[in-house]
Protein backbone atom coordinates (compact mmCIF):
# COMPACT_ATOMS: atom_id res chain seq x y z
CA UNK A 1 0.00 0.00 0.00
CA UNK A 2 1.25 3.47 -0.78
CA UNK A 3 2.21 5.35 2.34
CA UNK A 4 0.79 8.52 0.79
CA UNK A 5 -2.71 7.08 0.59
CA UNK A 6 -4.48 7.96 3.82
CA UNK A 7 -7.75 6.57 5.18
CA UNK A 8 -10.59 8.80 3.99
CA UNK A 9 -13.63 7.36 5.77
CA UNK A 10 -15.40 8.83 8.79
CA UNK A 11 -13.75 12.22 9.13
CA UNK A 12 -15.12 15.54 10.24
CA UNK A 13 -15.14 17.53 8.04
CA UNK A 14 -15.95 14.90 5.40
CA UNK A 15 -13.45 13.89 2.75
CA UNK A 16 -13.32 16.20 -0.27
CA UNK A 17 -13.30 15.28 -3.95
CA UNK A 18 -9.72 16.58 -4.15
CA UNK A 19 -8.58 14.17 -1.42
CA UNK A 20 -10.29 11.26 -3.16
CA UNK A 21 -8.68 12.21 -6.49
CA UNK A 22 -5.24 12.57 -4.88
CA UNK A 23 -5.54 9.08 -3.35
CA UNK A 24 -6.69 7.72 -6.72
CA UNK A 25 -3.71 9.33 -8.45
CA UNK A 26 -1.32 7.75 -5.95
CA UNK A 27 -2.96 4.36 -6.44
CA UNK A 28 -2.75 4.53 -10.24
CA UNK A 29 0.88 5.70 -10.04
CA UNK A 30 1.71 2.77 -7.78
CA UNK A 31 0.10 0.03 -9.83
CA UNK A 32 1.18 1.44 -13.22
CA UNK A 33 4.74 2.24 -12.18
CA UNK A 34 4.45 5.67 -13.85
CA UNK A 35 4.81 8.97 -12.06
CA UNK A 36 3.93 10.73 -15.28
CA UNK A 37 2.75 8.59 -18.18
CA UNK A 38 3.92 8.98 -21.76
CA UNK A 39 1.57 10.63 -24.24
CA UNK A 40 0.58 7.20 -25.51
CA UNK A 41 -0.48 6.15 -22.00
CA UNK A 42 -1.86 9.47 -20.77
CA UNK A 43 -5.51 8.85 -21.72
CA UNK A 44 -5.79 5.42 -20.05
CA UNK A 45 -3.88 6.75 -17.02
CA UNK A 46 -6.27 9.71 -16.57
CA UNK A 47 -9.30 7.52 -17.28
CA UNK A 48 -8.21 5.10 -14.55
CA UNK A 49 -7.86 7.98 -12.08
CA UNK A 50 -11.37 9.20 -12.93
CA UNK A 51 -12.90 5.73 -12.60
CA UNK A 52 -11.14 4.95 -9.32
CA UNK A 53 -12.15 8.37 -7.94
CA UNK A 54 -15.81 7.73 -8.79
CA UNK A 55 -15.76 4.22 -7.30
CA UNK A 56 -13.98 5.48 -4.17
CA UNK A 57 -16.50 8.29 -3.70
CA UNK A 58 -19.37 5.79 -4.00
CA UNK A 59 -17.69 3.50 -1.51
CA UNK A 60 -17.18 6.29 1.03
CA UNK A 61 -20.78 7.43 0.60
CA UNK A 62 -22.17 3.94 1.17
CA UNK A 63 -20.03 2.89 4.15
CA UNK A 64 -21.66 3.01 7.57
CA UNK A 65 -20.26 3.17 11.08
CA UNK A 66 -21.42 3.79 14.63
CA UNK A 67 -18.05 5.29 15.57
CA UNK A 68 -17.84 9.03 16.02
CA UNK A 69 -16.10 10.93 13.20
CA UNK A 70 -12.33 11.25 13.53
CA UNK A 71 -10.67 14.63 13.80
CA UNK A 72 -8.15 15.41 11.06
CA UNK A 73 -5.99 17.36 13.49
CA UNK A 74 -5.87 14.51 16.02
CA UNK A 75 -5.01 11.97 13.31
CA UNK A 76 -2.25 14.24 11.97
CA UNK A 77 -0.82 14.63 15.49
CA UNK A 78 -0.80 10.84 15.96
CA UNK A 79 0.97 10.42 12.62
CA UNK A 80 3.63 12.95 13.67
CA UNK A 81 4.22 11.06 16.93
CA UNK A 82 4.52 7.73 15.07
CA UNK A 83 6.95 9.32 12.61
CA UNK A 84 9.06 10.79 15.39
CA UNK A 85 9.24 7.41 17.13
CA UNK A 86 10.03 5.62 13.90
CA UNK A 87 12.63 8.02 12.54
CA UNK A 88 13.88 9.56 15.78
CA UNK A 89 13.23 13.17 14.76
PDB file of N, CA and C in Angstrom:
ATOM      1  N   UNK A   1       0.848  -1.172   0.000  1.00  0.00           N
ATOM      2  CA  UNK A   1       0.000   0.000   0.000  1.00  0.00           C
ATOM      3  C   UNK A   1       0.889   1.229   0.000  1.00  0.00           C
ATOM      4  N   UNK A   2       0.502   2.222  -0.748  1.00  0.00           N
ATOM      5  CA  UNK A   2       1.253   3.470  -0.779  1.00  0.00           C
ATOM      6  C   UNK A   2       1.147   4.156   0.576  1.00  0.00           C
ATOM      7  N   UNK A   3       2.244   4.638   1.059  1.00  0.00           N
ATOM      8  CA  UNK A   3       2.206   5.352   2.339  1.00  0.00           C
ATOM      9  C   UNK A   3       1.507   6.694   2.202  1.00  0.00           C
ATOM     10  N   UNK A   4       1.429   7.228   0.995  1.00  0.00           N
ATOM     11  CA  UNK A   4       0.787   8.523   0.794  1.00  0.00           C
ATOM     12  C   UNK A   4      -0.729   8.431   0.744  1.00  0.00           C
ATOM     13  N   UNK A   5      -1.265   7.235   0.603  1.00  0.00           N
ATOM     14  CA  UNK A   5      -2.709   7.079   0.593  1.00  0.00           C
ATOM     15  C   UNK A   5      -3.181   6.967   2.033  1.00  0.00           C
ATOM     16  N   UNK A   6      -3.987   7.910   2.444  1.00  0.00           N
ATOM     17  CA  UNK A   6      -4.480   7.964   3.821  1.00  0.00           C
ATOM     18  C   UNK A   6      -5.916   7.466   3.874  1.00  0.00           C
ATOM     19  N   UNK A   7      -6.336   6.926   5.020  1.00  0.00           N
ATOM     20  CA  UNK A   7      -7.748   6.575   5.175  1.00  0.00           C
ATOM     21  C   UNK A   7      -8.610   7.825   4.975  1.00  0.00           C
ATOM     22  N   UNK A   8      -9.738   7.653   4.302  1.00  0.00           N
ATOM     23  CA  UNK A   8     -10.590   8.797   3.988  1.00  0.00           C
ATOM     24  C   UNK A   8     -11.987   8.688   4.593  1.00  0.00           C
ATOM     25  N   UNK A   9     -12.281   7.585   5.245  1.00  0.00           N
ATOM     26  CA  UNK A   9     -13.627   7.361   5.766  1.00  0.00           C
ATOM     27  C   UNK A   9     -13.785   7.880   7.188  1.00  0.00           C
ATOM     28  N   UNK A  10     -14.961   8.435   7.456  1.00  0.00           N
ATOM     29  CA  UNK A  10     -15.402   8.829   8.795  1.00  0.00           C
ATOM     30  C   UNK A  10     -14.570   9.963   9.384  1.00  0.00           C
ATOM     31  N   UNK A  11     -14.452  11.035   8.640  1.00  0.00           N
ATOM     32  CA  UNK A  11     -13.753  12.220   9.130  1.00  0.00           C
ATOM     33  C   UNK A  11     -14.703  13.395   9.223  1.00  0.00           C
ATOM     34  N   UNK A  12     -14.392  14.286  10.126  1.00  0.00           N
ATOM     35  CA  UNK A  12     -15.122  15.539  10.243  1.00  0.00           C
ATOM     36  C   UNK A  12     -14.104  16.658  10.142  1.00  0.00           C
ATOM     37  N   UNK A  13     -14.163  17.490   9.129  1.00  0.00           N
ATOM     38  CA  UNK A  13     -15.137  17.529   8.036  1.00  0.00           C
ATOM     39  C   UNK A  13     -14.942  16.369   7.071  1.00  0.00           C
ATOM     40  N   UNK A  14     -16.007  16.044   6.317  1.00  0.00           N
ATOM     41  CA  UNK A  14     -15.945  14.903   5.399  1.00  0.00           C
ATOM     42  C   UNK A  14     -14.846  15.062   4.340  1.00  0.00           C
ATOM     43  N   UNK A  15     -14.470  13.941   3.786  1.00  0.00           N
ATOM     44  CA  UNK A  15     -13.454  13.892   2.747  1.00  0.00           C
ATOM     45  C   UNK A  15     -13.914  14.675   1.523  1.00  0.00           C
ATOM     46  N   UNK A  16     -12.993  15.403   0.913  1.00  0.00           N
ATOM     47  CA  UNK A  16     -13.316  16.201  -0.275  1.00  0.00           C
ATOM     48  C   UNK A  16     -13.024  15.419  -1.548  1.00  0.00           C
ATOM     49  N   UNK A  17     -13.576  15.890  -2.647  1.00  0.00           N
ATOM     50  CA  UNK A  17     -13.301  15.280  -3.950  1.00  0.00           C
ATOM     51  C   UNK A  17     -11.817  15.345  -4.286  1.00  0.00           C
ATOM     52  N   UNK A  18     -11.155  16.425  -3.886  1.00  0.00           N
ATOM     53  CA  UNK A  18      -9.720  16.579  -4.154  1.00  0.00           C
ATOM     54  C   UNK A  18      -8.904  15.516  -3.423  1.00  0.00           C
ATOM     55  N   UNK A  19      -9.288  15.213  -2.186  1.00  0.00           N
ATOM     56  CA  UNK A  19      -8.583  14.171  -1.423  1.00  0.00           C
ATOM     57  C   UNK A  19      -8.788  12.797  -2.047  1.00  0.00           C
ATOM     58  N   UNK A  20     -10.002  12.539  -2.506  1.00  0.00           N
ATOM     59  CA  UNK A  20     -10.285  11.257  -3.160  1.00  0.00           C
ATOM     60  C   UNK A  20      -9.486  11.153  -4.452  1.00  0.00           C
ATOM     61  N   UNK A  21      -9.433  12.227  -5.225  1.00  0.00           N
ATOM     62  CA  UNK A  21      -8.683  12.211  -6.490  1.00  0.00           C
ATOM     63  C   UNK A  21      -7.183  12.039  -6.226  1.00  0.00           C
ATOM     64  N   UNK A  22      -6.661  12.700  -5.200  1.00  0.00           N
ATOM     65  CA  UNK A  22      -5.237  12.574  -4.878  1.00  0.00           C
ATOM     66  C   UNK A  22      -4.898  11.126  -4.491  1.00  0.00           C
ATOM     67  N   UNK A  23      -5.767  10.477  -3.721  1.00  0.00           N
ATOM     68  CA  UNK A  23      -5.538   9.084  -3.354  1.00  0.00           C
ATOM     69  C   UNK A  23      -5.623   8.188  -4.588  1.00  0.00           C
ATOM     70  N   UNK A  24      -6.553   8.494  -5.476  1.00  0.00           N
ATOM     71  CA  UNK A  24      -6.692   7.721  -6.718  1.00  0.00           C
ATOM     72  C   UNK A  24      -5.461   7.872  -7.589  1.00  0.00           C
ATOM     73  N   UNK A  25      -4.931   9.075  -7.675  1.00  0.00           N
ATOM     74  CA  UNK A  25      -3.714   9.326  -8.449  1.00  0.00           C
ATOM     75  C   UNK A  25      -2.553   8.509  -7.885  1.00  0.00           C
ATOM     76  N   UNK A  26      -2.393   8.517  -6.570  1.00  0.00           N
ATOM     77  CA  UNK A  26      -1.315   7.746  -5.945  1.00  0.00           C
ATOM     78  C   UNK A  26      -1.466   6.260  -6.223  1.00  0.00           C
ATOM     79  N   UNK A  27      -2.702   5.769  -6.176  1.00  0.00           N
ATOM     80  CA  UNK A  27      -2.959   4.359  -6.437  1.00  0.00           C
ATOM     81  C   UNK A  27      -2.595   3.993  -7.877  1.00  0.00           C
ATOM     82  N   UNK A  28      -3.035   4.814  -8.823  1.00  0.00           N
ATOM     83  CA  UNK A  28      -2.746   4.534 -10.240  1.00  0.00           C
ATOM     84  C   UNK A  28      -1.243   4.628 -10.492  1.00  0.00           C
ATOM     85  N   UNK A  29      -0.577   5.604  -9.899  1.00  0.00           N
ATOM     86  CA  UNK A  29       0.884   5.698 -10.043  1.00  0.00           C
ATOM     87  C   UNK A  29       1.565   4.439  -9.524  1.00  0.00           C
ATOM     88  N   UNK A  30       1.094   3.942  -8.393  1.00  0.00           N
ATOM     89  CA  UNK A  30       1.711   2.768  -7.780  1.00  0.00           C
ATOM     90  C   UNK A  30       1.543   1.532  -8.658  1.00  0.00           C
ATOM     91  N   UNK A  31       0.316   1.272  -9.090  1.00  0.00           N
ATOM     92  CA  UNK A  31       0.103   0.034  -9.832  1.00  0.00           C
ATOM     93  C   UNK A  31       0.607   0.106 -11.265  1.00  0.00           C
ATOM     94  N   UNK A  32       0.686   1.315 -11.848  1.00  0.00           N
ATOM     95  CA  UNK A  32       1.180   1.440 -13.221  1.00  0.00           C
ATOM     96  C   UNK A  32       2.702   1.526 -13.263  1.00  0.00           C
ATOM     97  N   UNK A  33       3.297   2.026 -12.191  1.00  0.00           N
ATOM     98  CA  UNK A  33       4.742   2.238 -12.183  1.00  0.00           C
ATOM     99  C   UNK A  33       5.148   3.552 -12.825  1.00  0.00           C
ATOM    100  N   UNK A  34       4.173   4.371 -13.214  1.00  0.00           N
ATOM    101  CA  UNK A  34       4.453   5.665 -13.848  1.00  0.00           C
ATOM    102  C   UNK A  34       4.166   6.801 -12.881  1.00  0.00           C
ATOM    103  N   UNK A  35       5.101   7.721 -12.767  1.00  0.00           N
ATOM    104  CA  UNK A  35       4.813   8.967 -12.059  1.00  0.00           C
ATOM    105  C   UNK A  35       4.075   9.897 -12.999  1.00  0.00           C
ATOM    106  N   UNK A  36       4.574   9.952 -14.213  1.00  0.00           N
ATOM    107  CA  UNK A  36       3.929  10.729 -15.279  1.00  0.00           C
ATOM    108  C   UNK A  36       3.952   9.846 -16.518  1.00  0.00           C
ATOM    109  N   UNK A  37       2.778   9.497 -17.040  1.00  0.00           N
ATOM    110  CA  UNK A  37       2.752   8.588 -18.176  1.00  0.00           C
ATOM    111  C   UNK A  37       3.198   9.267 -19.467  1.00  0.00           C
ATOM    112  N   UNK A  38       3.604   8.455 -20.430  1.00  0.00           N
ATOM    113  CA  UNK A  38       3.923   8.975 -21.758  1.00  0.00           C
ATOM    114  C   UNK A  38       2.636   9.452 -22.419  1.00  0.00           C
ATOM    115  N   UNK A  39       2.764  10.159 -23.525  1.00  0.00           N
ATOM    116  CA  UNK A  39       1.568  10.630 -24.240  1.00  0.00           C
ATOM    117  C   UNK A  39       0.705   9.456 -24.683  1.00  0.00           C
ATOM    118  N   UNK A  40       1.328   8.374 -25.068  1.00  0.00           N
ATOM    119  CA  UNK A  40       0.580   7.195 -25.514  1.00  0.00           C
ATOM    120  C   UNK A  40      -0.250   6.601 -24.380  1.00  0.00           C
ATOM    121  N   UNK A  41       0.213   6.727 -23.149  1.00  0.00           N
ATOM    122  CA  UNK A  41      -0.479   6.146 -21.996  1.00  0.00           C
ATOM    123  C   UNK A  41      -1.267   7.165 -21.176  1.00  0.00           C
ATOM    124  N   UNK A  42      -1.227   8.420 -21.572  1.00  0.00           N
ATOM    125  CA  UNK A  42      -1.864   9.467 -20.767  1.00  0.00           C
ATOM    126  C   UNK A  42      -3.379   9.284 -20.655  1.00  0.00           C
ATOM    127  N   UNK A  43      -4.050   8.992 -21.754  1.00  0.00           N
ATOM    128  CA  UNK A  43      -5.512   8.854 -21.723  1.00  0.00           C
ATOM    129  C   UNK A  43      -5.952   7.701 -20.817  1.00  0.00           C
ATOM    130  N   UNK A  44      -5.369   6.490 -20.960  1.00  0.00           N
ATOM    131  CA  UNK A  44      -5.790   5.422 -20.055  1.00  0.00           C
ATOM    132  C   UNK A  44      -5.439   5.716 -18.594  1.00  0.00           C
ATOM    133  N   UNK A  45      -4.320   6.383 -18.366  1.00  0.00           N
ATOM    134  CA  UNK A  45      -3.880   6.750 -17.024  1.00  0.00           C
ATOM    135  C   UNK A  45      -4.915   7.683 -16.383  1.00  0.00           C
ATOM    136  N   UNK A  46      -5.299   8.745 -17.091  1.00  0.00           N
ATOM    137  CA  UNK A  46      -6.273   9.707 -16.572  1.00  0.00           C
ATOM    138  C   UNK A  46      -7.656   9.076 -16.421  1.00  0.00           C
ATOM    139  N   UNK A  47      -8.016   8.204 -17.365  1.00  0.00           N
ATOM    140  CA  UNK A  47      -9.300   7.516 -17.283  1.00  0.00           C
ATOM    141  C   UNK A  47      -9.352   6.632 -16.031  1.00  0.00           C
ATOM    142  N   UNK A  48      -8.264   5.949 -15.740  1.00  0.00           N
ATOM    143  CA  UNK A  48      -8.209   5.104 -14.545  1.00  0.00           C
ATOM    144  C   UNK A  48      -8.375   5.941 -13.279  1.00  0.00           C
ATOM    145  N   UNK A  49      -7.728   7.098 -13.243  1.00  0.00           N
ATOM    146  CA  UNK A  49      -7.861   7.984 -12.080  1.00  0.00           C
ATOM    147  C   UNK A  49      -9.312   8.406 -11.902  1.00  0.00           C
ATOM    148  N   UNK A  50      -9.966   8.790 -13.000  1.00  0.00           N
ATOM    149  CA  UNK A  50     -11.369   9.203 -12.932  1.00  0.00           C
ATOM    150  C   UNK A  50     -12.267   8.069 -12.444  1.00  0.00           C
ATOM    151  N   UNK A  51     -12.068   6.867 -12.986  1.00  0.00           N
ATOM    152  CA  UNK A  51     -12.898   5.732 -12.598  1.00  0.00           C
ATOM    153  C   UNK A  51     -12.681   5.345 -11.136  1.00  0.00           C
ATOM    154  N   UNK A  52     -11.440   5.318 -10.713  1.00  0.00           N
ATOM    155  CA  UNK A  52     -11.144   4.953  -9.319  1.00  0.00           C
ATOM    156  C   UNK A  52     -11.667   6.021  -8.368  1.00  0.00           C
ATOM    157  N   UNK A  53     -11.594   7.288  -8.765  1.00  0.00           N
ATOM    158  CA  UNK A  53     -12.150   8.366  -7.940  1.00  0.00           C
ATOM    159  C   UNK A  53     -13.648   8.196  -7.762  1.00  0.00           C
ATOM    160  N   UNK A  54     -14.351   7.890  -8.856  1.00  0.00           N
ATOM    161  CA  UNK A  54     -15.805   7.725  -8.794  1.00  0.00           C
ATOM    162  C   UNK A  54     -16.176   6.527  -7.921  1.00  0.00           C
ATOM    163  N   UNK A  55     -15.479   5.423  -8.103  1.00  0.00           N
ATOM    164  CA  UNK A  55     -15.756   4.219  -7.304  1.00  0.00           C
ATOM    165  C   UNK A  55     -15.458   4.485  -5.830  1.00  0.00           C
ATOM    166  N   UNK A  56     -14.355   5.170  -5.556  1.00  0.00           N
ATOM    167  CA  UNK A  56     -13.984   5.476  -4.172  1.00  0.00           C
ATOM    168  C   UNK A  56     -15.009   6.386  -3.513  1.00  0.00           C
ATOM    169  N   UNK A  57     -15.490   7.385  -4.250  1.00  0.00           N
ATOM    170  CA  UNK A  57     -16.496   8.294  -3.704  1.00  0.00           C
ATOM    171  C   UNK A  57     -17.779   7.528  -3.377  1.00  0.00           C
ATOM    172  N   UNK A  58     -18.188   6.620  -4.265  1.00  0.00           N
ATOM    173  CA  UNK A  58     -19.372   5.792  -4.003  1.00  0.00           C
ATOM    174  C   UNK A  58     -19.165   4.921  -2.767  1.00  0.00           C
ATOM    175  N   UNK A  59     -17.997   4.329  -2.667  1.00  0.00           N
ATOM    176  CA  UNK A  59     -17.692   3.500  -1.505  1.00  0.00           C
ATOM    177  C   UNK A  59     -17.807   4.307  -0.221  1.00  0.00           C
ATOM    178  N   UNK A  60     -17.168   5.459  -0.175  1.00  0.00           N
ATOM    179  CA  UNK A  60     -17.175   6.285   1.033  1.00  0.00           C
ATOM    180  C   UNK A  60     -18.581   6.759   1.386  1.00  0.00           C
ATOM    181  N   UNK A  61     -19.403   6.998   0.371  1.00  0.00           N
ATOM    182  CA  UNK A  61     -20.780   7.427   0.602  1.00  0.00           C
ATOM    183  C   UNK A  61     -21.618   6.298   1.187  1.00  0.00           C
ATOM    184  N   UNK A  62     -21.354   5.072   0.766  1.00  0.00           N
ATOM    185  CA  UNK A  62     -22.174   3.936   1.171  1.00  0.00           C
ATOM    186  C   UNK A  62     -21.717   3.249   2.455  1.00  0.00           C
ATOM    187  N   UNK A  63     -20.512   3.514   2.914  1.00  0.00           N
ATOM    188  CA  UNK A  63     -20.031   2.894   4.152  1.00  0.00           C
ATOM    189  C   UNK A  63     -20.795   3.452   5.346  1.00  0.00           C
ATOM    190  N   UNK A  64     -20.977   2.600   6.343  1.00  0.00           N
ATOM    191  CA  UNK A  64     -21.663   3.006   7.567  1.00  0.00           C
ATOM    192  C   UNK A  64     -20.812   2.654   8.778  1.00  0.00           C
ATOM    193  N   UNK A  65     -20.959   3.450   9.832  1.00  0.00           N
ATOM    194  CA  UNK A  65     -20.261   3.174  11.083  1.00  0.00           C
ATOM    195  C   UNK A  65     -21.035   3.793  12.237  1.00  0.00           C
ATOM    196  N   UNK A  66     -20.856   3.212  13.411  1.00  0.00           N
ATOM    197  CA  UNK A  66     -21.422   3.787  14.631  1.00  0.00           C
ATOM    198  C   UNK A  66     -20.378   4.607  15.380  1.00  0.00           C
ATOM    199  N   UNK A  67     -19.146   4.555  14.913  1.00  0.00           N
ATOM    200  CA  UNK A  67     -18.054   5.288  15.566  1.00  0.00           C
ATOM    201  C   UNK A  67     -18.204   6.785  15.297  1.00  0.00           C
ATOM    202  N   UNK A  68     -17.796   7.590  16.255  1.00  0.00           N
ATOM    203  CA  UNK A  68     -17.842   9.033  16.020  1.00  0.00           C
ATOM    204  C   UNK A  68     -16.800   9.418  14.969  1.00  0.00           C
ATOM    205  N   UNK A  69     -17.059  10.501  14.215  1.00  0.00           N
ATOM    206  CA  UNK A  69     -16.097  10.933  13.196  1.00  0.00           C
ATOM    207  C   UNK A  69     -14.746  11.265  13.822  1.00  0.00           C
ATOM    208  N   UNK A  70     -13.685  10.956  13.072  1.00  0.00           N
ATOM    209  CA  UNK A  70     -12.327  11.251  13.534  1.00  0.00           C
ATOM    210  C   UNK A  70     -11.980  12.697  13.197  1.00  0.00           C
ATOM    211  N   UNK A  71     -11.146  13.275  14.020  1.00  0.00           N
ATOM    212  CA  UNK A  71     -10.668  14.630  13.801  1.00  0.00           C
ATOM    213  C   UNK A  71      -9.391  14.581  12.962  1.00  0.00           C
ATOM    214  N   UNK A  72      -9.342  15.376  11.918  1.00  0.00           N
ATOM    215  CA  UNK A  72      -8.154  15.408  11.061  1.00  0.00           C
ATOM    216  C   UNK A  72      -6.922  15.877  11.838  1.00  0.00           C
ATOM    217  N   UNK A  73      -7.111  16.840  12.721  1.00  0.00           N
ATOM    218  CA  UNK A  73      -5.988  17.361  13.492  1.00  0.00           C
ATOM    219  C   UNK A  73      -5.428  16.298  14.442  1.00  0.00           C
ATOM    220  N   UNK A  74      -6.319  15.559  15.099  1.00  0.00           N
ATOM    221  CA  UNK A  74      -5.867  14.508  16.019  1.00  0.00           C
ATOM    222  C   UNK A  74      -5.142  13.397  15.268  1.00  0.00           C
ATOM    223  N   UNK A  75      -5.657  13.014  14.105  1.00  0.00           N
ATOM    224  CA  UNK A  75      -5.012  11.974  13.305  1.00  0.00           C
ATOM    225  C   UNK A  75      -3.641  12.430  12.809  1.00  0.00           C
ATOM    226  N   UNK A  76      -3.533  13.703  12.425  1.00  0.00           N
ATOM    227  CA  UNK A  76      -2.245  14.242  11.974  1.00  0.00           C
ATOM    228  C   UNK A  76      -1.241  14.263  13.125  1.00  0.00           C
ATOM    229  N   UNK A  77      -1.710  14.615  14.322  1.00  0.00           N
ATOM    230  CA  UNK A  77      -0.822  14.632  15.486  1.00  0.00           C
ATOM    231  C   UNK A  77      -0.330  13.222  15.799  1.00  0.00           C
ATOM    232  N   UNK A  78      -1.210  12.231  15.732  1.00  0.00           N
ATOM    233  CA  UNK A  78      -0.805  10.838  15.961  1.00  0.00           C
ATOM    234  C   UNK A  78       0.226  10.398  14.933  1.00  0.00           C
ATOM    235  N   UNK A  79       0.027  10.793  13.678  1.00  0.00           N
ATOM    236  CA  UNK A  79       0.969  10.420  12.617  1.00  0.00           C
ATOM    237  C   UNK A  79       2.338  11.044  12.881  1.00  0.00           C
ATOM    238  N   UNK A  80       2.353  12.284  13.355  1.00  0.00           N
ATOM    239  CA  UNK A  80       3.635  12.948  13.670  1.00  0.00           C
ATOM    240  C   UNK A  80       4.359  12.222  14.799  1.00  0.00           C
ATOM    241  N   UNK A  81       3.618  11.799  15.817  1.00  0.00           N
ATOM    242  CA  UNK A  81       4.224  11.065  16.928  1.00  0.00           C
ATOM    243  C   UNK A  81       4.793   9.737  16.431  1.00  0.00           C
ATOM    244  N   UNK A  82       4.025   9.001  15.616  1.00  0.00           N
ATOM    245  CA  UNK A  82       4.519   7.727  15.065  1.00  0.00           C
ATOM    246  C   UNK A  82       5.773   7.944  14.232  1.00  0.00           C
ATOM    247  N   UNK A  83       5.787   9.014  13.451  1.00  0.00           N
ATOM    248  CA  UNK A  83       6.945   9.318  12.606  1.00  0.00           C
ATOM    249  C   UNK A  83       8.154   9.644  13.467  1.00  0.00           C
ATOM    250  N   UNK A  84       7.955  10.423  14.509  1.00  0.00           N
ATOM    251  CA  UNK A  84       9.061  10.790  15.388  1.00  0.00           C
ATOM    252  C   UNK A  84       9.642   9.543  16.069  1.00  0.00           C
ATOM    253  N   UNK A  85       8.768   8.650  16.495  1.00  0.00           N
ATOM    254  CA  UNK A  85       9.241   7.414  17.131  1.00  0.00           C
ATOM    255  C   UNK A  85       9.972   6.525  16.118  1.00  0.00           C
ATOM    256  N   UNK A  86       9.445   6.483  14.924  1.00  0.00           N
ATOM    257  CA  UNK A  86      10.034   5.621  13.899  1.00  0.00           C
ATOM    258  C   UNK A  86      11.374   6.139  13.403  1.00  0.00           C
ATOM    259  N   UNK A  87      11.442   7.449  13.143  1.00  0.00           N
ATOM    260  CA  UNK A  87      12.631   8.016  12.538  1.00  0.00           C
ATOM    261  C   UNK A  87      13.519   8.780  13.518  1.00  0.00           C
ATOM    262  N   UNK A  88      13.073   8.922  14.744  1.00  0.00           N
ATOM    263  CA  UNK A  88      13.878   9.565  15.777  1.00  0.00           C
ATOM    264  C   UNK A  88      14.079  11.051  15.559  1.00  0.00           C
ATOM    265  N   UNK A  89      13.086  11.722  14.979  1.00  0.00           N
ATOM    266  CA  UNK A  89      13.226  13.174  14.762  1.00  0.00           C
ATOM    267  C   UNK A  89      12.400  13.958  15.733  1.00  0.00           C
TER     268      UNK A  89
END
